[in-house]
PDB file of all heavy atoms in Angstrom:
ATOM      1  N   PHE A   1      -2.726  -4.018  10.141  1.00  0.00           N
ATOM      2  CA  PHE A   1      -2.134  -2.712  10.394  1.00  0.00           C
ATOM      3  C   PHE A   1      -0.943  -2.459   9.470  1.00  0.00           C
ATOM      4  O   PHE A   1      -0.834  -1.396   8.849  1.00  0.00           O
ATOM      5  CB  PHE A   1      -1.684  -2.592  11.847  1.00  0.00           C
ATOM      6  CG  PHE A   1      -0.887  -1.349  12.118  1.00  0.00           C
ATOM      7  CD1 PHE A   1      -1.525  -0.142  12.365  1.00  0.00           C
ATOM      8  CD2 PHE A   1       0.504  -1.379  12.091  1.00  0.00           C
ATOM      9  CE1 PHE A   1      -0.780   1.019  12.585  1.00  0.00           C
ATOM     10  CE2 PHE A   1       1.244  -0.229  12.310  1.00  0.00           C
ATOM     11  CZ  PHE A   1       0.600   0.968  12.551  1.00  0.00           C
ATOM     12  N   LEU A   2      -0.026  -3.427   9.381  1.00  0.00           N
ATOM     13  CA  LEU A   2       1.170  -3.233   8.563  1.00  0.00           C
ATOM     14  C   LEU A   2       0.820  -3.075   7.094  1.00  0.00           C
ATOM     15  O   LEU A   2       1.423  -2.260   6.375  1.00  0.00           O
ATOM     16  CB  LEU A   2       2.141  -4.394   8.753  1.00  0.00           C
ATOM     17  CG  LEU A   2       3.465  -4.255   8.007  1.00  0.00           C
ATOM     18  CD1 LEU A   2       4.248  -3.042   8.501  1.00  0.00           C
ATOM     19  CD2 LEU A   2       4.303  -5.526   8.139  1.00  0.00           C
ATOM     20  N   TYR A   3      -0.157  -3.842   6.649  1.00  0.00           N
ATOM     21  CA  TYR A   3      -0.587  -3.735   5.246  1.00  0.00           C
ATOM     22  C   TYR A   3      -1.110  -2.333   4.945  1.00  0.00           C
ATOM     23  O   TYR A   3      -0.678  -1.684   3.979  1.00  0.00           O
ATOM     24  CB  TYR A   3      -1.665  -4.786   4.965  1.00  0.00           C
ATOM     25  CG  TYR A   3      -2.371  -4.602   3.641  1.00  0.00           C
ATOM     26  CD1 TYR A   3      -1.728  -4.867   2.435  1.00  0.00           C
ATOM     27  CD2 TYR A   3      -3.702  -4.163   3.593  1.00  0.00           C
ATOM     28  CE1 TYR A   3      -2.384  -4.697   1.221  1.00  0.00           C
ATOM     29  CE2 TYR A   3      -4.359  -3.993   2.391  1.00  0.00           C
ATOM     30  CZ  TYR A   3      -3.691  -4.261   1.205  1.00  0.00           C
ATOM     31  OH  TYR A   3      -4.349  -4.080  -0.005  1.00  0.00           O
ATOM     32  N   HIS A   4      -2.029  -1.839   5.762  1.00  0.00           N
ATOM     33  CA  HIS A   4      -2.600  -0.512   5.516  1.00  0.00           C
ATOM     34  C   HIS A   4      -1.574   0.596   5.753  1.00  0.00           C
ATOM     35  O   HIS A   4      -1.586   1.614   5.041  1.00  0.00           O
ATOM     36  CB  HIS A   4      -3.845  -0.309   6.380  1.00  0.00           C
ATOM     37  CG  HIS A   4      -5.006  -1.130   5.928  1.00  0.00           C
ATOM     38  ND1 HIS A   4      -5.691  -0.875   4.756  1.00  0.00           N
ATOM     39  CD2 HIS A   4      -5.610  -2.223   6.478  1.00  0.00           C
ATOM     40  CE1 HIS A   4      -6.664  -1.750   4.599  1.00  0.00           C
ATOM     41  NE2 HIS A   4      -6.631  -2.589   5.634  1.00  0.00           N
ATOM     42  N   TYR A   5      -0.706   0.404   6.723  1.00  0.00           N
ATOM     43  CA  TYR A   5       0.364   1.375   6.963  1.00  0.00           C
ATOM     44  C   TYR A   5       1.250   1.500   5.719  1.00  0.00           C
ATOM     45  O   TYR A   5       1.570   2.611   5.265  1.00  0.00           O
ATOM     46  CB  TYR A   5       1.198   0.946   8.168  1.00  0.00           C
ATOM     47  CG  TYR A   5       2.549   1.637   8.252  1.00  0.00           C
ATOM     48  CD1 TYR A   5       2.662   2.926   8.766  1.00  0.00           C
ATOM     49  CD2 TYR A   5       3.700   0.995   7.792  1.00  0.00           C
ATOM     50  CE1 TYR A   5       3.898   3.561   8.828  1.00  0.00           C
ATOM     51  CE2 TYR A   5       4.938   1.624   7.850  1.00  0.00           C
ATOM     52  CZ  TYR A   5       5.027   2.908   8.362  1.00  0.00           C
ATOM     53  OH  TYR A   5       6.259   3.534   8.401  1.00  0.00           O
ATOM     54  N   THR A   6       1.658   0.356   5.158  1.00  0.00           N
ATOM     55  CA  THR A   6       2.529   0.377   3.979  1.00  0.00           C
ATOM     56  C   THR A   6       1.825   0.986   2.786  1.00  0.00           C
ATOM     57  O   THR A   6       2.424   1.746   2.008  1.00  0.00           O
ATOM     58  CB  THR A   6       3.006  -1.052   3.656  1.00  0.00           C
ATOM     59  OG1 THR A   6       3.635  -1.612   4.822  1.00  0.00           O
ATOM     60  CG2 THR A   6       3.993  -1.045   2.506  1.00  0.00           C
ATOM     61  N   LEU A   7       0.541   0.696   2.641  1.00  0.00           N
ATOM     62  CA  LEU A   7      -0.240   1.309   1.560  1.00  0.00           C
ATOM     63  C   LEU A   7      -0.287   2.821   1.747  1.00  0.00           C
ATOM     64  O   LEU A   7      -0.143   3.596   0.783  1.00  0.00           O
ATOM     65  CB  LEU A   7      -1.646   0.710   1.546  1.00  0.00           C
ATOM     66  CG  LEU A   7      -2.484   0.888   0.277  1.00  0.00           C
ATOM     67  CD1 LEU A   7      -1.760   0.389  -0.951  1.00  0.00           C
ATOM     68  CD2 LEU A   7      -3.820   0.163   0.442  1.00  0.00           C
ATOM     69  N   ASP A   8      -0.442   3.268   2.984  1.00  0.00           N
ATOM     70  CA  ASP A   8      -0.424   4.711   3.283  1.00  0.00           C
ATOM     71  C   ASP A   8       0.924   5.334   2.917  1.00  0.00           C
ATOM     72  O   ASP A   8       0.977   6.432   2.354  1.00  0.00           O
ATOM     73  CB  ASP A   8      -0.707   4.957   4.769  1.00  0.00           C
ATOM     74  CG  ASP A   8      -2.166   4.738   5.146  1.00  0.00           C
ATOM     75  OD1 ASP A   8      -3.010   4.648   4.224  1.00  0.00           O
ATOM     76  OD2 ASP A   8      -2.447   4.650   6.355  1.00  0.00           O
ATOM     77  N   VAL A   9       2.018   4.640   3.261  1.00  0.00           N
ATOM     78  CA  VAL A   9       3.353   5.141   2.931  1.00  0.00           C
ATOM     79  C   VAL A   9       3.497   5.301   1.418  1.00  0.00           C
ATOM     80  O   VAL A   9       3.981   6.329   0.924  1.00  0.00           O
ATOM     81  CB  VAL A   9       4.445   4.191   3.471  1.00  0.00           C
ATOM     82  CG1 VAL A   9       5.826   4.584   2.922  1.00  0.00           C
ATOM     83  CG2 VAL A   9       4.474   4.212   4.992  1.00  0.00           C
ATOM     84  N   ALA A  10       3.068   4.280   0.679  1.00  0.00           N
ATOM     85  CA  ALA A  10       3.177   4.316  -0.780  1.00  0.00           C
ATOM     86  C   ALA A  10       2.332   5.443  -1.378  1.00  0.00           C
ATOM     87  O   ALA A  10       2.790   6.182  -2.259  1.00  0.00           O
ATOM     88  CB  ALA A  10       2.758   2.971  -1.362  1.00  0.00           C
ATOM     89  N   GLN A  11       1.116   5.589  -0.892  1.00  0.00           N
ATOM     90  CA  GLN A  11       0.227   6.616  -1.443  1.00  0.00           C
ATOM     91  C   GLN A  11       0.679   8.019  -1.071  1.00  0.00           C
ATOM     92  O   GLN A  11       0.649   8.935  -1.905  1.00  0.00           O
ATOM     93  CB  GLN A  11      -1.204   6.345  -0.982  1.00  0.00           C
ATOM     94  CG  GLN A  11      -1.789   5.079  -1.611  1.00  0.00           C
ATOM     95  CD  GLN A  11      -3.135   4.674  -1.034  1.00  0.00           C
ATOM     96  OE1 GLN A  11      -3.522   5.130   0.050  1.00  0.00           O
ATOM     97  NE2 GLN A  11      -3.842   3.809  -1.739  1.00  0.00           N
ATOM     98  N   LEU A  12       1.138   8.216   0.167  1.00  0.00           N
ATOM     99  CA  LEU A  12       1.623   9.523   0.601  1.00  0.00           C
ATOM    100  C   LEU A  12       2.806   9.977  -0.244  1.00  0.00           C
ATOM    101  O   LEU A  12       2.929  11.161  -0.591  1.00  0.00           O
ATOM    102  CB  LEU A  12       2.034   9.462   2.071  1.00  0.00           C
ATOM    103  CG  LEU A  12       2.691  10.721   2.657  1.00  0.00           C
ATOM    104  CD1 LEU A  12       1.709  11.895   2.653  1.00  0.00           C
ATOM    105  CD2 LEU A  12       3.190  10.460   4.075  1.00  0.00           C
ATOM    106  N   ASN A  13       3.667   9.019  -0.600  1.00  0.00           N
ATOM    107  CA  ASN A  13       4.871   9.346  -1.357  1.00  0.00           C
ATOM    108  C   ASN A  13       4.697   9.162  -2.862  1.00  0.00           C
ATOM    109  O   ASN A  13       5.679   9.202  -3.605  1.00  0.00           O
ATOM    110  CB  ASN A  13       6.035   8.502  -0.830  1.00  0.00           C
ATOM    111  CG  ASN A  13       6.446   8.922   0.562  1.00  0.00           C
ATOM    112  OD1 ASN A  13       7.064   9.958   0.751  1.00  0.00           O
ATOM    113  ND2 ASN A  13       6.077   8.120   1.567  1.00  0.00           N
ATOM    114  N   LYS A  14       3.439   8.954  -3.278  1.00  0.00           N
ATOM    115  CA  LYS A  14       3.098   8.844  -4.705  1.00  0.00           C
ATOM    116  C   LYS A  14       3.927   7.769  -5.414  1.00  0.00           C
ATOM    117  O   LYS A  14       4.401   7.954  -6.544  1.00  0.00           O
ATOM    118  CB  LYS A  14       3.255  10.203  -5.404  1.00  0.00           C
ATOM    119  CG  LYS A  14       2.325  11.278  -4.857  1.00  0.00           C
ATOM    120  CD  LYS A  14       2.502  12.601  -5.583  1.00  0.00           C
ATOM    121  CE  LYS A  14       1.436  13.624  -5.171  1.00  0.00           C
ATOM    122  NZ  LYS A  14       1.399  13.882  -3.720  1.00  0.00           N
ATOM    123  N   LEU A  15       4.087   6.635  -4.732  1.00  0.00           N
ATOM    124  CA  LEU A  15       4.778   5.507  -5.325  1.00  0.00           C
ATOM    125  C   LEU A  15       3.794   4.702  -6.166  1.00  0.00           C
ATOM    126  O   LEU A  15       2.608   4.606  -5.829  1.00  0.00           O
ATOM    127  CB  LEU A  15       5.383   4.626  -4.230  1.00  0.00           C
ATOM    128  CG  LEU A  15       6.355   5.332  -3.284  1.00  0.00           C
ATOM    129  CD1 LEU A  15       6.876   4.359  -2.235  1.00  0.00           C
ATOM    130  CD2 LEU A  15       7.512   5.967  -4.036  1.00  0.00           C
ATOM    131  N   GLU A  16       4.269   4.132  -7.238  1.00  0.00           N
ATOM    132  CA  GLU A  16       3.395   3.373  -8.135  1.00  0.00           C
ATOM    133  C   GLU A  16       3.086   2.005  -7.523  1.00  0.00           C
ATOM    134  O   GLU A  16       3.958   1.144  -7.430  1.00  0.00           O
ATOM    135  CB  GLU A  16       4.056   3.199  -9.500  1.00  0.00           C
ATOM    136  CG  GLU A  16       3.158   2.486 -10.500  1.00  0.00           C
ATOM    137  CD  GLU A  16       3.797   2.326 -11.872  1.00  0.00           C
ATOM    138  OE1 GLU A  16       4.937   2.799 -12.062  1.00  0.00           O
ATOM    139  OE2 GLU A  16       3.146   1.719 -12.747  1.00  0.00           O
ATOM    140  N   VAL A  17       1.845   1.826  -7.106  1.00  0.00           N
ATOM    141  CA  VAL A  17       1.408   0.557  -6.533  1.00  0.00           C
ATOM    142  C   VAL A  17       0.891  -0.324  -7.660  1.00  0.00           C
ATOM    143  O   VAL A  17      -0.082   0.021  -8.339  1.00  0.00           O
ATOM    144  CB  VAL A  17       0.319   0.775  -5.464  1.00  0.00           C
ATOM    145  CG1 VAL A  17      -0.175  -0.567  -4.929  1.00  0.00           C
ATOM    146  CG2 VAL A  17       0.855   1.636  -4.322  1.00  0.00           C
ATOM    147  N   LEU A  18       1.523  -1.448  -7.874  1.00  0.00           N
ATOM    148  CA  LEU A  18       1.168  -2.343  -8.979  1.00  0.00           C
ATOM    149  C   LEU A  18       0.108  -3.362  -8.570  1.00  0.00           C
ATOM    150  O   LEU A  18      -0.754  -3.715  -9.373  1.00  0.00           O
ATOM    151  CB  LEU A  18       2.416  -3.067  -9.484  1.00  0.00           C
ATOM    152  CG  LEU A  18       3.564  -2.155  -9.946  1.00  0.00           C
ATOM    153  CD1 LEU A  18       4.781  -2.986 -10.304  1.00  0.00           C
ATOM    154  CD2 LEU A  18       3.134  -1.310 -11.135  1.00  0.00           C
ATOM    155  N   VAL A  19       0.206  -3.839  -7.341  1.00  0.00           N
ATOM    156  CA  VAL A  19      -0.753  -4.829  -6.828  1.00  0.00           C
ATOM    157  C   VAL A  19      -0.994  -4.536  -5.356  1.00  0.00           C
ATOM    158  O   VAL A  19      -0.041  -4.269  -4.625  1.00  0.00           O
ATOM    159  CB  VAL A  19      -0.220  -6.277  -6.973  1.00  0.00           C
ATOM    160  CG1 VAL A  19      -1.208  -7.266  -6.352  1.00  0.00           C
ATOM    161  CG2 VAL A  19       0.047  -6.634  -8.423  1.00  0.00           C
ATOM    162  N   HIS A  20      -2.242  -4.574  -4.935  1.00  0.00           N
ATOM    163  CA  HIS A  20      -2.521  -4.582  -3.500  1.00  0.00           C
ATOM    164  C   HIS A  20      -3.821  -5.335  -3.262  1.00  0.00           C
ATOM    165  O   HIS A  20      -4.818  -5.128  -3.948  1.00  0.00           O
ATOM    166  CB  HIS A  20      -2.571  -3.167  -2.907  1.00  0.00           C
ATOM    167  CG  HIS A  20      -3.716  -2.320  -3.357  1.00  0.00           C
ATOM    168  ND1 HIS A  20      -4.906  -2.248  -2.658  1.00  0.00           N
ATOM    169  CD2 HIS A  20      -3.849  -1.502  -4.423  1.00  0.00           C
ATOM    170  CE1 HIS A  20      -5.726  -1.415  -3.282  1.00  0.00           C
ATOM    171  NE2 HIS A  20      -5.117  -0.956  -4.348  1.00  0.00           N
ATOM    172  N   THR A  21      -3.769  -6.241  -2.311  1.00  0.00           N
ATOM    173  CA  THR A  21      -4.943  -7.027  -1.961  1.00  0.00           C
ATOM    174  C   THR A  21      -4.854  -7.431  -0.500  1.00  0.00           C
ATOM    175  O   THR A  21      -3.773  -7.757  -0.008  1.00  0.00           O
ATOM    176  CB  THR A  21      -5.066  -8.295  -2.837  1.00  0.00           C
ATOM    177  OG1 THR A  21      -6.130  -9.121  -2.336  1.00  0.00           O
ATOM    178  CG2 THR A  21      -3.777  -9.114  -2.853  1.00  0.00           C
ATOM    179  N   ASP A  22      -5.977  -7.390   0.199  1.00  0.00           N
ATOM    180  CA  ASP A  22      -5.993  -7.807   1.600  1.00  0.00           C
ATOM    181  C   ASP A  22      -6.376  -9.273   1.761  1.00  0.00           C
ATOM    182  O   ASP A  22      -6.576  -9.743   2.871  1.00  0.00           O
ATOM    183  CB  ASP A  22      -6.924  -6.913   2.425  1.00  0.00           C
ATOM    184  CG  ASP A  22      -8.364  -6.968   1.966  1.00  0.00           C
ATOM    185  OD1 ASP A  22      -8.680  -7.731   1.016  1.00  0.00           O
ATOM    186  OD2 ASP A  22      -9.194  -6.236   2.537  1.00  0.00           O
ATOM    187  N   ASP A  23      -6.456 -10.005   0.635  1.00  0.00           N
ATOM    188  CA  ASP A  23      -6.757 -11.445   0.702  1.00  0.00           C
ATOM    189  C   ASP A  23      -6.208 -12.103  -0.558  1.00  0.00           C
ATOM    190  O   ASP A  23      -6.940 -12.414  -1.490  1.00  0.00           O
ATOM    191  CB  ASP A  23      -8.264 -11.670   0.823  1.00  0.00           C
ATOM    192  CG  ASP A  23      -8.613 -13.111   1.180  1.00  0.00           C
ATOM    193  OD1 ASP A  23      -7.697 -13.949   1.263  1.00  0.00           O
ATOM    194  OD2 ASP A  23      -9.809 -13.397   1.365  1.00  0.00           O
ATOM    195  N   LEU A  24      -4.899 -12.311  -0.583  1.00  0.00           N
ATOM    196  CA  LEU A  24      -4.210 -12.769  -1.793  1.00  0.00           C
ATOM    197  C   LEU A  24      -4.802 -14.047  -2.367  1.00  0.00           C
ATOM    198  O   LEU A  24      -5.015 -14.158  -3.576  1.00  0.00           O
ATOM    199  CB  LEU A  24      -2.716 -12.974  -1.481  1.00  0.00           C
ATOM    200  CG  LEU A  24      -1.863 -13.571  -2.602  1.00  0.00           C
ATOM    201  CD1 LEU A  24      -1.867 -12.675  -3.828  1.00  0.00           C
ATOM    202  CD2 LEU A  24      -0.441 -13.817  -2.111  1.00  0.00           C
TER     203      LEU A  24
END
């Protein structure tokens, strides 16, 4: 939940996401 929530926050605010993975 926290991972997807944070990804939503970043995408909603058009923040530059450099890395995202659900299984590092």
